[in-house]
Amino acid sequence: MAKHSVCFFGDEMMLGLRDPEGFGWPHRLVRRERDAGHALVPYVLAVEGNTTADVARRWRAEAEARLSGLPMSALVFCFGLNDQAVGGEGVRVSLPETLYMAECVIAEAASWRAVFWIGPPPVRGGGASLLGRQGSALFYDPVRLRGLTQGFAGIAARCGVAFFDLCGALENSNRYAKALRAGNGVVPAADGQAAIAAALAEWPAWRDWLDKGSSPNLCFVPVAAR
């Protein structure tokens, strides 16, 4: 099979912080695909605490260093979780600012490479806390995350890219709820990472790209080297 290279951009949800093996869902997804015979090369470019604006500032340079000249390559984005977190000064990033930055990222990315956009996963009901990178407590609200997901879905439709509502896919999952309880209410334990990978492995847009070579973008046509 042809080799596919993928850059994963996001936050701590990709890093497997609550997984003893250190595997976040991207590595678990890649392992599933390799076991199925796909030659997949992953670059997990996630940073703990990153917001959408943080990803916007860095994704292009980091992706170009890894994917330039590789037509069978893609960008996977999963951000927004930390934008809606509440710290000592309130919500870290307002919803309008998050949506604006997200559209800037996705529109540019979709004109350059195949794009898979994944909404943030659910958090525990009633809010949950996570120790931020700077040592401050952050609190996460599932209601705000659902609103963010709806906004992201609208942008994806306008940009013509594949969007996966991870919150909707997992919010009623007993398996994921148990993993959140075993984690910290925001980042799940290992089985939650496995549940995310399992859900994404069945995503039709992802399957069509890997199995059939179909682009998930309505506007993107692969070019041999750029």
Protein backbone atom coordinates (compact mmCIF):
# COMPACT_ATOMS: atom_id res chain seq x y z
CA MET A 1 0.00 0.00 0.00
CA ALA A 2 1.05 3.62 -0.57
CA LYS A 3 2.64 5.43 2.35
CA HIS A 4 0.50 8.11 3.99
CA SER A 5 2.00 10.79 6.23
CA VAL A 6 -0.17 12.59 8.79
CA CYS A 7 0.43 15.56 11.07
CA PHE A 8 -1.76 15.65 14.18
CA PHE A 9 -2.20 19.10 15.71
CA GLY A 10 -3.86 19.71 19.05
CA ASP A 11 -3.50 19.80 22.81
CA GLU A 12 -3.05 17.41 25.73
CA MET A 13 -5.89 15.18 24.52
CA MET A 14 -3.44 13.76 21.97
CA LEU A 15 -0.60 13.10 24.40
CA GLY A 16 -1.86 10.17 26.48
CA LEU A 17 -1.08 11.91 29.76
CA ARG A 18 -3.28 9.49 31.73
CA ASP A 19 -2.12 6.42 29.80
CA PRO A 20 0.62 4.35 31.49
CA GLU A 21 1.90 3.39 28.03
CA GLY A 22 2.06 7.04 26.98
CA PHE A 23 -0.19 6.44 23.97
CA GLY A 24 -2.65 9.15 23.06
CA TRP A 25 -5.43 8.43 20.61
CA PRO A 26 -3.34 9.36 17.50
CA HIS A 27 -0.79 6.65 18.26
CA ARG A 28 -3.57 4.16 18.96
CA LEU A 29 -5.29 5.05 15.70
CA VAL A 30 -2.05 4.67 13.77
CA ARG A 31 -1.36 1.31 15.41
CA ARG A 32 -4.82 0.07 14.36
CA GLU A 33 -4.19 1.15 10.78
CA ARG A 34 -0.73 -0.37 10.63
CA ASP A 35 -2.13 -3.64 11.97
CA ALA A 36 -4.62 -3.50 9.09
CA GLY A 37 -1.77 -3.13 6.59
CA HIS A 38 -1.66 0.62 6.03
CA ALA A 39 1.76 2.32 5.82
CA LEU A 40 1.00 5.33 7.99
CA VAL A 41 3.69 7.77 9.20
CA PRO A 42 2.46 9.93 12.13
CA TYR A 43 3.75 13.23 13.45
CA VAL A 44 1.97 14.05 16.71
CA LEU A 45 2.49 17.81 17.12
CA ALA A 46 0.41 18.42 20.22
CA VAL A 47 1.21 20.85 23.03
CA GLU A 48 -0.35 20.68 26.48
CA GLY A 49 -2.50 23.72 27.19
CA ASN A 50 -2.63 24.91 23.57
CA THR A 51 -5.62 26.96 22.43
CA THR A 52 -6.84 27.40 18.87
CA ALA A 53 -4.74 30.56 18.53
CA ASP A 54 -1.64 28.65 19.64
CA VAL A 55 -2.22 26.03 16.96
CA ALA A 56 -2.87 28.76 14.40
CA ARG A 57 0.53 30.32 15.08
CA ARG A 58 2.54 27.16 14.57
CA TRP A 59 0.80 24.59 12.38
CA ARG A 60 1.93 25.71 8.91
CA ALA A 61 5.67 25.84 9.58
CA GLU A 62 5.61 22.56 11.48
CA ALA A 63 3.58 20.84 8.79
CA GLU A 64 5.65 22.13 5.89
CA ALA A 65 8.81 20.79 7.51
CA ARG A 66 7.27 17.31 7.50
CA LEU A 67 4.86 17.10 4.57
CA SER A 68 6.29 19.23 1.76
CA GLY A 69 6.70 17.10 -1.35
CA LEU A 70 4.45 14.35 -0.01
CA PRO A 71 1.14 14.30 -1.91
CA MET A 72 -0.29 11.39 0.11
CA SER A 73 -0.39 13.36 3.32
CA ALA A 74 -2.97 14.93 5.59
CA LEU A 75 -3.53 17.26 8.52
CA VAL A 76 -5.60 16.21 11.52
CA PHE A 77 -6.77 18.96 13.86
CA CYS A 78 -8.37 18.56 17.28
CA PHE A 79 -8.34 21.80 19.28
CA GLY A 80 -10.66 24.08 21.23
CA LEU A 81 -10.79 22.24 24.55
CA ASN A 82 -8.60 24.77 26.32
CA ASP A 83 -10.23 27.81 24.72
CA GLN A 84 -13.41 27.28 26.72
CA ALA A 85 -11.66 26.46 29.99
CA VAL A 86 -12.24 28.85 32.88
CA GLY A 87 -9.31 30.07 34.96
CA GLY A 88 -8.76 32.88 37.41
CA GLU A 89 -9.53 35.53 34.77
CA GLY A 90 -12.59 33.83 33.30
CA VAL A 91 -12.93 31.97 30.00
CA ARG A 92 -9.51 31.75 28.37
CA VAL A 93 -10.70 32.59 24.84
CA SER A 94 -14.09 33.98 23.84
CA LEU A 95 -16.21 31.85 21.53
CA PRO A 96 -16.19 34.41 18.65
CA GLU A 97 -12.39 34.64 18.79
CA THR A 98 -12.04 30.86 18.83
CA LEU A 99 -14.35 30.47 15.83
CA TYR A 100 -12.51 33.18 13.91
CA MET A 101 -9.10 31.61 14.51
CA ALA A 102 -10.44 28.14 13.73
CA GLU A 103 -11.79 29.26 10.36
CA CYS A 104 -8.46 30.88 9.51
CA VAL A 105 -6.64 27.61 10.26
CA ILE A 106 -9.06 25.30 8.48
CA ALA A 107 -9.54 27.43 5.37
CA GLU A 108 -5.79 27.73 4.82
CA ALA A 109 -5.09 24.10 5.64
CA ALA A 110 -7.81 22.85 3.30
CA SER A 111 -6.26 24.72 0.38
CA TRP A 112 -2.93 22.94 0.99
CA ARG A 113 -3.56 19.38 2.19
CA ALA A 114 -6.28 16.89 2.97
CA VAL A 115 -7.84 17.93 6.30
CA PHE A 116 -9.61 15.97 9.02
CA TRP A 117 -11.12 18.15 11.73
CA ILE A 118 -12.17 16.57 15.01
CA GLY A 119 -14.18 18.39 17.64
CA PRO A 120 -13.11 18.20 21.30
CA PRO A 121 -14.29 15.16 23.28
CA PRO A 122 -16.76 15.37 26.17
CA VAL A 123 -15.73 16.21 29.72
CA ARG A 124 -17.42 15.17 32.95
CA GLY A 125 -20.76 16.83 33.67
CA GLY A 126 -20.81 19.69 36.14
CA GLY A 127 -17.37 20.88 35.16
CA ALA A 128 -13.99 19.34 35.80
CA SER A 129 -10.58 20.68 36.76
CA LEU A 130 -7.18 20.17 35.25
CA LEU A 131 -3.87 21.62 36.38
CA GLY A 132 -2.73 24.01 33.69
CA ARG A 133 0.82 24.23 32.33
CA GLN A 134 1.51 27.29 34.48
CA GLY A 135 0.27 25.62 37.65
CA SER A 136 -3.21 27.20 37.69
CA ALA A 137 -6.47 25.28 37.92
CA LEU A 138 -8.66 25.23 34.82
CA PHE A 139 -12.31 24.23 34.81
CA TYR A 140 -14.14 22.74 31.84
CA ASP A 141 -17.86 22.91 31.13
CA PRO A 142 -19.54 20.35 28.84
CA VAL A 143 -22.21 22.88 27.82
CA ARG A 144 -19.61 25.30 26.47
CA LEU A 145 -17.88 22.47 24.63
CA ARG A 146 -21.11 21.45 22.90
CA GLY A 147 -21.63 25.05 21.78
CA LEU A 148 -18.08 25.16 20.47
CA THR A 149 -18.63 21.92 18.56
CA GLN A 150 -21.71 23.35 16.86
CA GLY A 151 -19.72 26.39 15.78
CA PHE A 152 -16.91 24.22 14.45
CA ALA A 153 -19.35 22.08 12.46
CA GLY A 154 -20.70 25.19 10.74
CA ILE A 155 -17.20 26.33 9.78
CA ALA A 156 -16.34 22.87 8.45
CA ALA A 157 -19.40 22.95 6.22
CA ARG A 158 -18.42 26.37 4.84
CA CYS A 159 -14.82 25.27 4.23
CA GLY A 160 -15.82 21.96 2.70
CA VAL A 161 -13.81 19.76 5.08
CA ALA A 162 -14.63 16.58 6.96
CA PHE A 163 -15.68 17.18 10.58
CA PHE A 164 -16.15 14.57 13.29
CA ASP A 165 -18.33 15.46 16.30
CA LEU A 166 -16.36 13.59 18.95
CA CYS A 167 -18.41 15.05 21.77
CA GLY A 168 -21.64 13.74 20.22
CA ALA A 169 -20.10 10.36 19.46
CA LEU A 170 -18.88 9.75 23.01
CA GLU A 171 -21.06 11.77 25.39
CA ASN A 172 -23.41 8.79 25.97
CA SER A 173 -20.65 6.18 26.00
CA ASN A 174 -20.38 4.30 29.30
CA ARG A 175 -16.91 3.23 28.28
CA TYR A 176 -15.72 6.79 27.84
CA ALA A 177 -17.47 8.00 30.99
CA LYS A 178 -15.66 5.32 32.99
CA ALA A 179 -12.34 6.36 31.44
CA LEU A 180 -13.00 10.01 32.37
CA ARG A 181 -13.65 9.00 35.97
CA ALA A 182 -10.39 7.02 35.96
CA GLY A 183 -8.62 10.06 34.51
CA ASN A 184 -9.17 13.59 35.79
CA GLY A 185 -12.55 14.34 34.26
CA VAL A 186 -11.01 16.00 31.22
CA VAL A 187 -8.21 13.76 29.95
CA PRO A 188 -9.38 10.14 30.07
CA ALA A 189 -7.47 7.06 31.16
CA ALA A 190 -6.03 4.70 28.54
CA ASP A 191 -9.33 3.07 27.58
CA GLY A 192 -10.78 6.48 26.75
CA GLN A 193 -7.93 7.09 24.32
CA ALA A 194 -8.67 3.69 22.81
CA ALA A 195 -12.36 4.60 22.51
CA ILE A 196 -11.51 7.77 20.58
CA ALA A 197 -9.25 5.84 18.22
CA ALA A 198 -11.93 3.20 17.66
CA ALA A 199 -14.54 5.83 16.82
CA LEU A 200 -12.26 7.64 14.38
CA ALA A 201 -11.16 4.40 12.71
CA GLU A 202 -14.75 3.95 11.49
CA TRP A 203 -15.15 7.55 10.26
CA PRO A 204 -16.18 7.28 6.58
CA ALA A 205 -14.04 10.26 5.52
CA TRP A 206 -10.97 8.73 7.15
CA ARG A 207 -11.68 5.30 5.69
CA ASP A 208 -12.20 6.66 2.19
CA TRP A 209 -8.89 8.55 2.30
CA LEU A 210 -6.88 5.56 3.52
CA ASP A 211 -8.68 2.79 1.66
CA LYS A 212 -9.62 4.54 -1.59
CA GLY A 213 -7.39 7.60 -1.83
CA SER A 214 -10.40 9.94 -1.79
CA SER A 215 -9.83 13.48 -0.52
CA PRO A 216 -11.95 14.55 2.48
CA ASN A 217 -11.88 18.17 1.21
CA LEU A 218 -14.37 19.38 -1.36
CA CYS A 219 -11.83 21.91 -2.68
CA PHE A 220 -8.52 20.03 -2.47
CA VAL A 221 -6.85 18.30 -5.41
CA PRO A 222 -3.56 16.53 -4.53
CA VAL A 223 -0.45 17.91 -6.21
CA ALA A 224 2.74 15.88 -6.67
CA ALA A 225 5.01 18.23 -4.71
CA ARG A 226 4.26 21.50 -2.98
